[in-house]
Protein backbone atom coordinates (compact mmCIF):
# COMPACT_ATOMS: atom_id res chain seq x y z
CA UNK A 1 -6.60 -0.63 68.10
CA UNK A 2 -3.33 1.29 68.11
CA UNK A 3 -1.82 3.04 65.08
CA UNK A 4 1.72 4.30 64.46
CA UNK A 5 1.87 7.54 62.43
CA UNK A 6 5.29 8.18 60.89
CA UNK A 7 5.61 11.67 59.36
CA UNK A 8 8.26 14.37 59.69
CA UNK A 9 5.62 17.14 59.73
CA UNK A 10 4.53 17.69 63.31
CA UNK A 11 1.21 19.32 62.38
CA UNK A 12 0.14 16.38 60.19
CA UNK A 13 1.01 13.89 62.93
CA UNK A 14 -0.97 15.75 65.57
CA UNK A 15 -3.98 16.36 63.33
CA UNK A 16 -4.08 12.68 62.42
CA UNK A 17 -3.77 11.64 66.07
CA UNK A 18 -6.67 13.89 67.06
CA UNK A 19 -8.85 12.66 64.22
CA UNK A 20 -8.11 9.00 64.95
CA UNK A 21 -8.94 9.62 68.61
CA UNK A 22 -12.38 10.86 67.55
CA UNK A 23 -12.82 7.53 65.74
CA UNK A 24 -11.84 5.60 68.86
CA UNK A 25 -8.34 4.73 67.62
CA UNK A 26 -5.30 5.20 69.84
CA UNK A 27 -2.08 6.32 68.12
CA UNK A 28 1.58 7.26 68.56
CA UNK A 29 3.65 9.57 66.38
CA UNK A 30 7.21 9.22 65.06
CA UNK A 31 9.01 11.90 63.05
CA UNK A 32 11.22 9.54 61.03
CA UNK A 33 11.91 5.92 60.25
CA UNK A 34 14.56 5.48 62.94
CA UNK A 35 12.21 6.72 65.62
CA UNK A 36 9.53 4.39 64.25
CA UNK A 37 11.91 1.43 64.53
CA UNK A 38 12.39 2.17 68.22
CA UNK A 39 8.64 2.36 68.87
CA UNK A 40 7.95 -0.83 66.90
CA UNK A 41 10.46 -2.68 69.07
CA UNK A 42 8.82 -1.38 72.25
CA UNK A 43 5.11 -2.05 71.74
CA UNK A 44 2.63 -3.68 69.36
CA UNK A 45 0.70 -1.72 66.72
CA UNK A 46 -2.29 -2.76 64.63
CA UNK A 47 -1.28 -0.66 61.60
CA UNK A 48 1.20 1.95 60.38
CA UNK A 49 0.73 5.20 58.41
CA UNK A 50 4.09 6.05 56.85
CA UNK A 51 5.12 9.18 54.97
CA UNK A 52 7.25 8.59 51.89
CA UNK A 53 9.84 11.38 52.25
CA UNK A 54 11.52 11.76 55.64
CA UNK A 55 15.05 12.59 56.87
CA UNK A 56 17.22 9.90 58.46
CA UNK A 57 15.29 6.92 57.09
CA UNK A 58 12.64 7.37 54.42
CA UNK A 59 9.35 5.52 54.17
CA UNK A 60 10.51 2.94 51.63
CA UNK A 61 13.47 1.92 53.79
CA UNK A 62 11.24 1.69 56.84
CA UNK A 63 8.71 -0.55 55.06
CA UNK A 64 11.50 -2.79 53.82
CA UNK A 65 12.85 -3.10 57.38
CA UNK A 66 9.39 -3.82 58.83
CA UNK A 67 8.79 -6.70 56.43
CA UNK A 68 12.35 -8.06 56.77
CA UNK A 69 11.89 -8.23 60.55
CA UNK A 70 8.59 -10.06 60.11
CA UNK A 71 6.14 -7.49 61.51
CA UNK A 72 2.72 -8.36 60.12
CA UNK A 73 0.65 -5.21 60.63
CA UNK A 74 -0.87 -3.49 57.54
CA UNK A 75 0.82 -0.36 56.19
CA UNK A 76 -0.60 2.64 54.34
CA UNK A 77 1.95 4.79 52.52
CA UNK A 78 1.35 8.57 52.47
CA UNK A 79 2.75 10.24 49.34
CA UNK A 80 2.61 13.64 47.66
CA UNK A 81 1.72 14.41 44.06
CA UNK A 82 4.57 13.36 41.81
CA UNK A 83 5.59 10.46 44.07
CA UNK A 84 3.14 7.92 42.69
CA UNK A 85 5.92 5.79 41.20
CA UNK A 86 7.55 5.52 44.62
CA UNK A 87 4.18 4.66 46.14
CA UNK A 88 3.84 1.77 43.71
CA UNK A 89 7.31 0.62 44.77
CA UNK A 90 6.13 0.78 48.37
CA UNK A 91 3.28 -1.59 47.52
CA UNK A 92 5.81 -4.04 46.12
CA UNK A 93 7.88 -3.76 49.29
CA UNK A 94 4.95 -4.70 51.50
CA UNK A 95 2.59 -1.74 51.95
CA UNK A 96 -1.09 -2.62 51.54
CA UNK A 97 -2.33 0.77 50.30
CA UNK A 98 -1.28 4.35 49.64
CA UNK A 99 -3.00 7.71 49.84
CA UNK A 100 -1.99 11.03 48.24
CA UNK A 101 -1.68 14.36 50.10
CA UNK A 102 -3.86 16.27 50.71
CA UNK A 103 -6.21 13.50 51.77
CA UNK A 104 -9.58 13.17 53.45
CA UNK A 105 -9.04 11.89 57.04
CA UNK A 106 -12.38 10.10 56.94
CA UNK A 107 -11.40 8.16 53.82
CA UNK A 108 -8.04 7.27 55.38
CA UNK A 109 -9.75 5.99 58.55
CA UNK A 110 -12.14 3.83 56.52
CA UNK A 111 -9.24 2.27 54.61
CA UNK A 112 -7.29 1.81 57.83
CA UNK A 113 -10.07 -0.04 59.65
CA UNK A 114 -10.69 -2.22 56.60
CA UNK A 115 -7.03 -3.29 56.43
CA UNK A 116 -6.94 -4.01 60.18
CA UNK A 117 -10.07 -6.16 59.93
CA UNK A 118 -8.53 -8.07 57.02
CA UNK A 119 -5.33 -8.71 58.99
CA UNK A 120 -7.30 -9.87 62.04
CA UNK A 121 -9.16 -12.29 59.79
CA UNK A 122 -5.88 -13.65 58.41
CA UNK A 123 -4.61 -14.16 61.96
CA UNK A 124 -7.83 -15.94 62.86
CA UNK A 125 -7.67 -18.25 59.83
CA UNK A 126 -4.00 -19.08 60.40
CA UNK A 127 -4.57 -19.75 64.08
CA UNK A 128 -7.38 -22.21 63.28
CA UNK A 129 -4.94 -24.30 61.22
CA UNK A 130 -2.90 -25.07 64.34
CA UNK A 131 -5.61 -25.63 66.92
CA UNK A 132 -8.79 -27.59 66.56
CA UNK A 133 -11.80 -25.36 67.18
CA UNK A 134 -14.12 -26.81 69.77
CA UNK A 135 -17.87 -26.42 69.71
CA UNK A 136 -18.32 -23.00 71.24
CA UNK A 137 -20.77 -24.13 73.94
CA UNK A 138 -20.96 -21.85 76.95
CA UNK A 139 -19.78 -23.04 80.33
CA UNK A 140 -22.58 -25.34 81.51
CA UNK A 141 -23.71 -25.62 85.12
CA UNK A 142 -25.83 -23.93 87.77
CA UNK A 143 -24.27 -25.45 90.88
CA UNK A 144 -22.88 -22.96 93.43
CA UNK A 145 -19.31 -23.76 92.37
CA UNK A 146 -20.03 -23.11 88.68
CA UNK A 147 -22.01 -19.93 89.39
CA UNK A 148 -19.01 -18.64 91.34
CA UNK A 149 -16.72 -19.38 88.39
CA UNK A 150 -19.08 -17.62 85.98
CA UNK A 151 -19.06 -14.59 88.26
CA UNK A 152 -15.26 -14.54 88.29
CA UNK A 153 -15.18 -14.77 84.48
CA UNK A 154 -17.56 -11.82 84.09
CA UNK A 155 -15.34 -9.72 86.36
CA UNK A 156 -12.01 -10.53 84.72
CA UNK A 157 -13.00 -10.94 81.06
CA UNK A 158 -12.01 -7.41 80.03
CA UNK A 159 -8.96 -7.34 82.27
CA UNK A 160 -5.56 -8.03 80.68
CA UNK A 161 -4.59 -10.08 83.74
CA UNK A 162 -3.01 -13.49 83.17
CA UNK A 163 -5.31 -16.33 84.25
CA UNK A 164 -4.38 -19.75 85.62
CA UNK A 165 -7.08 -22.43 85.36
CA UNK A 166 -6.59 -25.55 87.47
CA UNK A 167 -8.61 -28.73 87.70
CA UNK A 168 -8.54 -32.45 87.04
CA UNK A 169 -8.28 -33.73 83.49
CA UNK A 170 -11.58 -33.51 81.66
CA UNK A 171 -13.18 -30.81 83.81
CA UNK A 172 -13.40 -28.31 80.94
CA UNK A 173 -10.43 -25.98 81.36
CA UNK A 174 -10.34 -25.03 77.67
CA UNK A 175 -14.09 -24.35 77.78
CA UNK A 176 -13.44 -21.84 80.59
CA UNK A 177 -10.58 -20.26 78.63
CA UNK A 178 -12.80 -19.86 75.56
CA UNK A 179 -15.54 -18.41 77.75
CA UNK A 180 -13.13 -15.77 79.09
CA UNK A 181 -12.01 -14.98 75.54
CA UNK A 182 -15.58 -14.84 74.24
CA UNK A 183 -16.71 -12.37 76.91
CA UNK A 184 -13.68 -10.10 76.53
CA UNK A 185 -12.99 -7.16 74.22
CA UNK A 186 -10.66 -9.55 72.37
CA UNK A 187 -13.55 -11.82 71.34
CA UNK A 188 -13.19 -10.97 67.64
CA UNK A 189 -9.49 -11.82 67.73
CA UNK A 190 -8.03 -15.32 67.42
CA UNK A 191 -8.09 -17.93 70.16
CA UNK A 192 -4.87 -19.93 69.78
CA UNK A 193 -4.46 -23.07 71.90
CA UNK A 194 -1.41 -25.26 72.37
CA UNK A 195 -1.09 -28.39 74.48
CA UNK A 196 2.37 -28.04 76.03
CA UNK A 197 2.54 -31.72 76.91
CA UNK A 198 1.55 -32.78 73.39
CA UNK A 199 4.44 -31.06 71.57
CA UNK A 200 7.92 -32.63 71.57
CA UNK A 201 10.31 -30.62 73.73
CA UNK A 202 12.68 -29.88 70.83
CA UNK A 203 9.82 -28.35 68.80
CA UNK A 204 7.97 -26.48 71.53
CA UNK A 205 10.07 -23.30 71.46
CA UNK A 206 9.77 -22.89 67.69
CA UNK A 207 6.00 -23.48 67.87
CA UNK A 208 5.58 -20.78 70.48
CA UNK A 209 8.04 -18.17 69.24
CA UNK A 210 8.46 -19.00 65.54
CA UNK A 211 11.77 -18.98 63.72
CA UNK A 212 13.73 -17.26 60.95
CA UNK A 213 14.98 -18.89 57.79
CA UNK A 214 18.17 -20.81 58.50
CA UNK A 215 17.66 -20.82 62.28
CA UNK A 216 18.31 -24.57 62.24
CA UNK A 217 18.53 -27.44 59.79
CA UNK A 218 15.23 -27.65 57.96
CA UNK A 219 14.21 -24.03 58.61
CA UNK A 220 13.74 -23.19 54.92
CA UNK A 221 11.57 -20.14 55.56
CA UNK A 222 10.21 -17.88 58.26
CA UNK A 223 7.59 -19.40 60.60
CA UNK A 224 5.16 -17.31 62.58
CA UNK A 225 4.89 -18.51 66.17
CA UNK A 226 1.75 -18.86 68.26
CA UNK A 227 2.42 -15.71 70.27
CA UNK A 228 2.26 -13.71 67.03
CA UNK A 229 -0.73 -15.60 65.65
CA UNK A 230 -2.60 -14.80 68.85
CA UNK A 231 -2.04 -11.08 68.35
CA UNK A 232 -5.19 -9.19 69.23
CA UNK A 233 -6.63 -12.29 70.87
CA UNK A 234 -5.88 -14.98 73.44
CA UNK A 235 -3.10 -17.56 73.72
CA UNK A 236 -4.16 -20.62 75.73
CA UNK A 237 -1.27 -22.63 77.17
CA UNK A 238 -2.74 -25.96 78.22
CA UNK A 239 -0.78 -28.33 80.46
CA UNK A 240 1.61 -25.53 81.45
CA UNK A 241 2.90 -27.78 84.23
CA UNK A 242 4.62 -29.91 81.59
CA UNK A 243 6.75 -27.04 80.26
CA UNK A 244 10.48 -27.89 80.39
CA UNK A 245 12.55 -25.83 82.85
CA UNK A 246 14.78 -24.17 80.18
CA UNK A 247 11.70 -22.92 78.36
CA UNK A 248 10.15 -21.71 81.62
CA UNK A 249 12.94 -19.13 81.83
CA UNK A 250 12.05 -17.76 78.39
CA UNK A 251 8.33 -17.82 79.19
CA UNK A 252 8.96 -15.76 82.32
CA UNK A 253 10.85 -13.18 80.26
CA UNK A 254 7.98 -12.98 77.78
CA UNK A 255 5.46 -12.36 80.55
CA UNK A 256 7.70 -9.72 82.11
CA UNK A 257 8.69 -7.83 78.94
CA UNK A 258 5.69 -8.66 76.69
CA UNK A 259 8.13 -9.32 73.85
CA UNK A 260 9.35 -12.37 71.96
CA UNK A 261 12.31 -13.07 69.68
CA UNK A 262 12.02 -15.71 66.98
CA UNK A 263 14.59 -18.50 66.92
CA UNK A 264 17.46 -17.24 64.81
CA UNK A 265 16.14 -13.67 65.00
CA UNK A 266 17.61 -10.59 66.65
CA UNK A 267 14.69 -8.16 66.82
CA UNK A 268 12.41 -8.36 69.88
CA UNK A 269 8.78 -8.21 68.79
CA UNK A 270 6.09 -6.81 71.13
CA UNK A 271 3.08 -9.06 71.68
CA UNK A 272 -0.48 -8.05 72.53
CA UNK A 273 -2.04 -11.43 73.26
CA UNK A 274 -3.75 -12.25 76.52
CA UNK A 275 -2.23 -15.29 78.23
CA UNK A 276 -4.40 -17.97 79.83
CA UNK A 277 -2.67 -21.06 81.22
CA UNK A 278 -4.14 -24.30 82.52
CA UNK A 279 -2.89 -27.38 84.31
CA UNK A 280 -4.13 -30.55 85.98
CA UNK A 281 -0.91 -30.65 88.02
CA UNK A 282 -0.32 -29.26 91.50
CA UNK A 283 1.97 -26.37 90.58
CA UNK A 284 2.65 -25.48 94.22
CA UNK A 285 4.00 -29.02 94.75
CA UNK A 286 6.06 -28.76 91.54
CA UNK A 287 7.51 -25.46 92.81
CA UNK A 288 8.48 -27.14 96.08
CA UNK A 289 10.08 -30.05 94.21
CA UNK A 290 12.04 -27.68 91.95
CA UNK A 291 10.41 -28.77 88.67
CA UNK A 292 8.50 -25.51 88.16
CA UNK A 293 9.92 -22.02 88.64
CA UNK A 294 8.42 -20.11 91.55
CA UNK A 295 8.70 -16.73 89.79
CA UNK A 296 6.88 -18.08 86.72
CA UNK A 297 4.18 -19.56 88.94
CA UNK A 298 3.46 -16.18 90.50
CA UNK A 299 3.43 -14.51 87.06
CA UNK A 300 0.82 -17.01 85.87
CA UNK A 301 -1.19 -17.10 89.08
CA UNK A 302 -2.55 -13.54 88.91
CA UNK A 303 -6.16 -14.74 88.67
CA UNK A 304 -6.85 -18.34 89.71
CA UNK A 305 -9.89 -20.33 88.61
CA UNK A 306 -10.20 -23.82 90.10
CA UNK A 307 -12.65 -26.13 88.37
CA UNK A 308 -14.39 -28.69 90.59
CA UNK A 309 -14.56 -32.34 89.45
CA UNK A 310 -17.90 -33.52 88.11
CA UNK A 311 -18.45 -35.87 91.08
CA UNK A 312 -18.58 -32.74 93.31
CA UNK A 313 -21.30 -31.04 91.25
CA UNK A 314 -23.64 -33.88 90.37
CA UNK A 315 -26.56 -31.42 90.37
CA UNK A 316 -25.21 -30.19 87.01
CA UNK A 317 -25.50 -33.65 85.42
CA UNK A 318 -28.98 -33.24 83.85
CA UNK A 319 -28.07 -29.88 82.29
CA UNK A 320 -24.70 -31.16 81.08
CA UNK A 321 -26.22 -34.31 79.61
CA UNK A 322 -28.83 -32.27 77.77
CA UNK A 323 -26.25 -29.97 76.20
CA UNK A 324 -24.01 -32.88 75.21
CA UNK A 325 -26.91 -34.84 73.66
CA UNK A 326 -27.96 -31.77 71.67
CA UNK A 327 -24.43 -31.47 70.31
CA UNK A 328 -24.21 -35.21 69.50
CA UNK A 329 -27.57 -35.11 67.69
CA UNK A 330 -26.28 -32.24 65.59
CA UNK A 331 -23.00 -33.98 64.80
CA UNK A 332 -24.43 -37.46 64.11
CA UNK A 333 -27.83 -36.67 62.71
CA UNK A 334 -29.60 -38.55 65.54
CA UNK A 335 -32.75 -37.53 67.42
CA UNK A 336 -32.15 -38.66 70.99
CA UNK A 337 -34.48 -36.63 73.19
CA UNK A 338 -33.05 -37.37 76.62
CA UNK A 339 -32.51 -39.93 79.38
CA UNK A 340 -34.96 -41.95 81.42
CA UNK A 341 -35.07 -41.27 85.16
CA UNK A 342 -33.36 -44.62 85.80
CA UNK A 343 -30.58 -43.74 83.36
CA UNK A 344 -30.09 -40.36 85.01
CA UNK A 345 -29.94 -42.03 88.43
CA UNK A 346 -27.32 -44.44 87.11
CA UNK A 347 -25.23 -41.51 85.92
CA UNK A 348 -25.52 -39.82 89.28
CA UNK A 349 -24.17 -42.95 91.00
CA UNK A 350 -21.20 -43.16 88.64
CA UNK A 351 -17.92 -41.79 90.12
CA UNK A 352 -16.86 -39.92 86.93
CA UNK A 353 -13.14 -39.84 87.59
CA UNK A 354 -12.83 -38.84 83.92
CA UNK A 355 -15.13 -35.86 84.59
CA UNK A 356 -17.07 -34.15 81.78
CA UNK A 357 -14.93 -35.83 79.12
CA UNK A 358 -15.96 -39.25 80.46
CA UNK A 359 -19.61 -38.19 80.43
CA UNK A 360 -19.25 -37.12 76.79
CA UNK A 361 -17.74 -40.49 75.85
CA UNK A 362 -20.46 -42.44 77.67
CA UNK A 363 -23.23 -40.47 75.99
CA UNK A 364 -21.56 -40.64 72.57
CA UNK A 365 -21.47 -44.42 72.70
CA UNK A 366 -25.07 -44.51 73.98
CA UNK A 367 -26.29 -42.33 71.09
CA UNK A 368 -24.47 -44.49 68.53
CA UNK A 369 -26.16 -47.69 69.73
CA UNK A 370 -29.49 -46.24 70.93
CA UNK A 371 -32.59 -47.97 69.54
CA UNK A 372 -35.07 -45.41 70.90
CA UNK A 373 -35.36 -41.66 71.39
CA UNK A 374 -34.84 -41.95 75.17
CA UNK A 375 -31.65 -43.45 76.61
CA UNK A 376 -32.15 -46.18 79.18
CA UNK A 377 -29.68 -47.61 81.74
CA UNK A 378 -28.78 -50.51 79.42
CA UNK A 379 -27.67 -47.97 76.79
CA UNK A 380 -25.07 -46.54 79.15
CA UNK A 381 -21.74 -48.33 79.18
CA UNK A 382 -21.01 -47.84 82.89
CA UNK A 383 -19.50 -51.30 83.36
CA UNK A 384 -16.08 -50.15 82.20
CA UNK A 385 -13.69 -49.23 84.96
CA UNK A 386 -13.07 -45.68 86.05
CA UNK A 387 -9.52 -44.68 86.83
CA UNK A 388 -9.04 -42.47 89.84
CA UNK A 389 -5.83 -40.52 89.69
CA UNK A 390 -4.29 -39.92 93.11
CA UNK A 391 -3.14 -36.38 93.82
CA UNK A 392 -0.86 -35.40 96.62
CA UNK A 393 -3.03 -32.34 97.30
CA UNK A 394 -5.22 -31.57 94.29
CA UNK A 395 -5.11 -32.44 90.60
CA UNK A 396 -1.68 -33.79 89.66
CA UNK A 397 -1.37 -37.02 87.72
CA UNK A 398 0.00 -39.88 89.79
CA UNK A 399 1.74 -43.09 88.90
CA UNK A 400 -0.59 -44.89 91.31
CA UNK A 401 -4.12 -45.54 90.07
CA UNK A 402 -7.10 -47.30 91.67
CA UNK A 403 -9.34 -49.29 89.38
CA UNK A 404 -13.04 -49.54 90.04
CA UNK A 405 -15.42 -51.91 88.27
CA UNK A 406 -19.20 -52.24 88.67
CA UNK A 407 -18.90 -56.02 88.39
CA UNK A 408 -15.95 -56.20 90.81
CA UNK A 409 -13.98 -57.66 87.90
CA UNK A 410 -10.31 -56.78 88.20
CA UNK A 411 -8.76 -55.32 85.09
CA UNK A 412 -5.22 -54.17 84.61
CA UNK A 413 -4.49 -50.65 83.45
CA UNK A 414 -2.87 -52.16 80.37
CA UNK A 415 -6.04 -54.10 79.47
CA UNK A 416 -8.18 -51.00 79.87
CA UNK A 417 -5.79 -48.98 77.73
CA UNK A 418 -5.86 -51.61 74.98
CA UNK A 419 -9.66 -51.70 75.04
CA UNK A 420 -9.88 -47.92 74.86
CA UNK A 421 -7.47 -47.79 71.91
CA UNK A 422 -9.32 -50.53 70.01
CA UNK A 423 -12.74 -48.92 70.59
CA UNK A 424 -11.50 -45.52 69.47
CA UNK A 425 -9.75 -46.88 66.38
CA UNK A 426 -12.92 -48.70 65.37
CA UNK A 427 -14.95 -45.54 65.93
CA UNK A 428 -12.68 -43.67 63.50
CA UNK A 429 -12.32 -46.56 61.05
CA UNK A 430 -8.63 -46.94 61.81
CA UNK A 431 -7.83 -43.22 61.35
CA UNK A 432 -4.94 -42.84 63.81
CA UNK A 433 -4.91 -39.04 63.75
CA UNK A 434 -8.58 -38.72 64.73
CA UNK A 435 -8.29 -41.54 67.26
CA UNK A 436 -5.27 -39.85 68.89
CA UNK A 437 -7.21 -36.57 69.13
CA UNK A 438 -10.08 -38.30 70.93
CA UNK A 439 -7.72 -40.12 73.28
CA UNK A 440 -5.91 -36.82 73.99
CA UNK A 441 -2.51 -38.21 73.06
CA UNK A 442 -0.15 -37.50 70.19
CA UNK A 443 -0.35 -39.56 67.00
CA UNK A 444 3.19 -40.83 67.58
CA UNK A 445 2.26 -42.01 71.08
CA UNK A 446 -0.74 -43.88 69.67
CA UNK A 447 1.37 -45.56 66.98
CA UNK A 448 3.92 -46.59 69.61
CA UNK A 449 1.20 -48.11 71.82
CA UNK A 450 -0.31 -50.00 68.85
CA UNK A 451 3.11 -51.52 68.22
CA UNK A 452 3.80 -52.13 71.93
CA UNK A 453 0.49 -53.94 72.50
CA UNK A 454 0.49 -55.68 69.07
CA UNK A 455 -2.96 -54.31 68.28
CA UNK A 456 -4.33 -55.62 64.99
CA UNK A 457 -7.73 -54.34 63.87
């Protein structure tokens, strides 16, 4: 935590800084409001202590400016006897509390920590409204590849280094990102996730950076962007390979300067969120083809974690299946105890080009239709085709797909897509939003496909 102390009395500033240091709180001092403005533009703070009477710019004017610019940190106003009326005004302008000189430093520290905890909770709640919280299962697997990844995570968790997670679709990249967040000193802060490929290009910038009232038609108020909502926590940028080139330039600047500016705004705002990016694309190939900036790639690729496909770590299948079944039992109220040896052998023979996500879908269907506590081979819907996505070198999506079918029955990609959409819509009783979430596409894309394929439930 870092505090900004704004007071024109040097002795008070230094005494407060020393006391806060004893409580484990880092702090900076500013002797007036103008100096405080400069510091607030340069780096992020978790809270401000502001004296009421100061030369140049007084405390009330500073608080008004802080709230006008959209800074969200809590503020405690420091006033002297006889200034209570002004302190009340400060509360109306956006301060959360005030304390009267002379004050007890211990009491001030208690109030300060309480306000910071409350603000962190607000950030956490707001962030959960824009990203669906996954079940917080740990990263599952004891294969050599997964043990190596767990070792890397333990070494980098408390580092501020940017992390790039690569791997095929469905390998669990967000699970790894949440694991890094959960093991870090930022674990109590928000984990904000955005799927770059799932947000329309014209909305992506405003989602990430936020906007000011009047920034564009329809901007009727200020919107806090995801970089701000992730303050004190982690921002997970999934499918970073799909980021448009113009926005890549702005993203590079954010990573270099650690500051953002809202759309329609003029004040740069420091950010203190850790950045984790992920992609199933071959970014090196995209750099060579000119569709991804080389300088941004190197900024993101500080620490690289490459997730292996499930077919390359089949020894993890029993453990993965057990964890998934436990979760499904909890969600559905079932009591499936496990898989027969024949069923497990069938899973091990399956190619799993959809990786862990495909395994989850297979087991979910099996649990729904299971008529006993142990899943047998006939409960597993392994007849459906698996789609293998060709990659030039690693994980990128390809327009060419090979279709495999246990019964050697040829099916077109279109037929498989229609079947998947119908099954998912039935599972969610026609709820398009939930079906789109399961299919990992946007609701608009799903509606367009329903119309294109004339699907009628």
